[in-house]
Amino acid sequence: ESLVRAKRVLSVQRQGRSRSEHNLKTSTETIASLHQQIEKLEAQAAAARDEKLKANKKVRRLSSMLQSTNDNKINQTAVKSAEESRTAEEMQQRIDVQDKTIAGLASQNSKLRSELARAKMAIKDAEKE
């Protein structure tokens, strides 16, 4: 009876050891798998950081290009405004000169009409005499 009992104890011990070895093997495989997943995730994170850096560089470059384009537009607008201002001043000067010319011609026309009227009156007076 003690022999059967000892055999049973040994059998239970072997089964326990076998389960422990199996659990250890399974745990080791699980740990190895988790390490691989961690490495993959780290690689993905590194790739994502690289993409983010590239995107940030691209954004900065495009922002700089946009700023220089805006600066060029502002400069062009300022030049165009100055040209329009100069053109407006020139047009105003031309208008002033034409106004003076028109006023001079109107005055001359008035004088000529007066002289014409006097001449006609002189002719009528000469014909009456």
Foldseek 3Di string as FASTA:
>chain_A
DVVVVVVVVVVVVVVVVVVVVVVVVVVVVVVVVVVVVVVVVVVVVVVVVVVVVVVVVVVVVVVVVVVVVVVVVVVVVVVVVVVVVVVVVVVVVVVVVVVVVVVVVVVVVVVVVVVVVVVVVVVVVVVVD
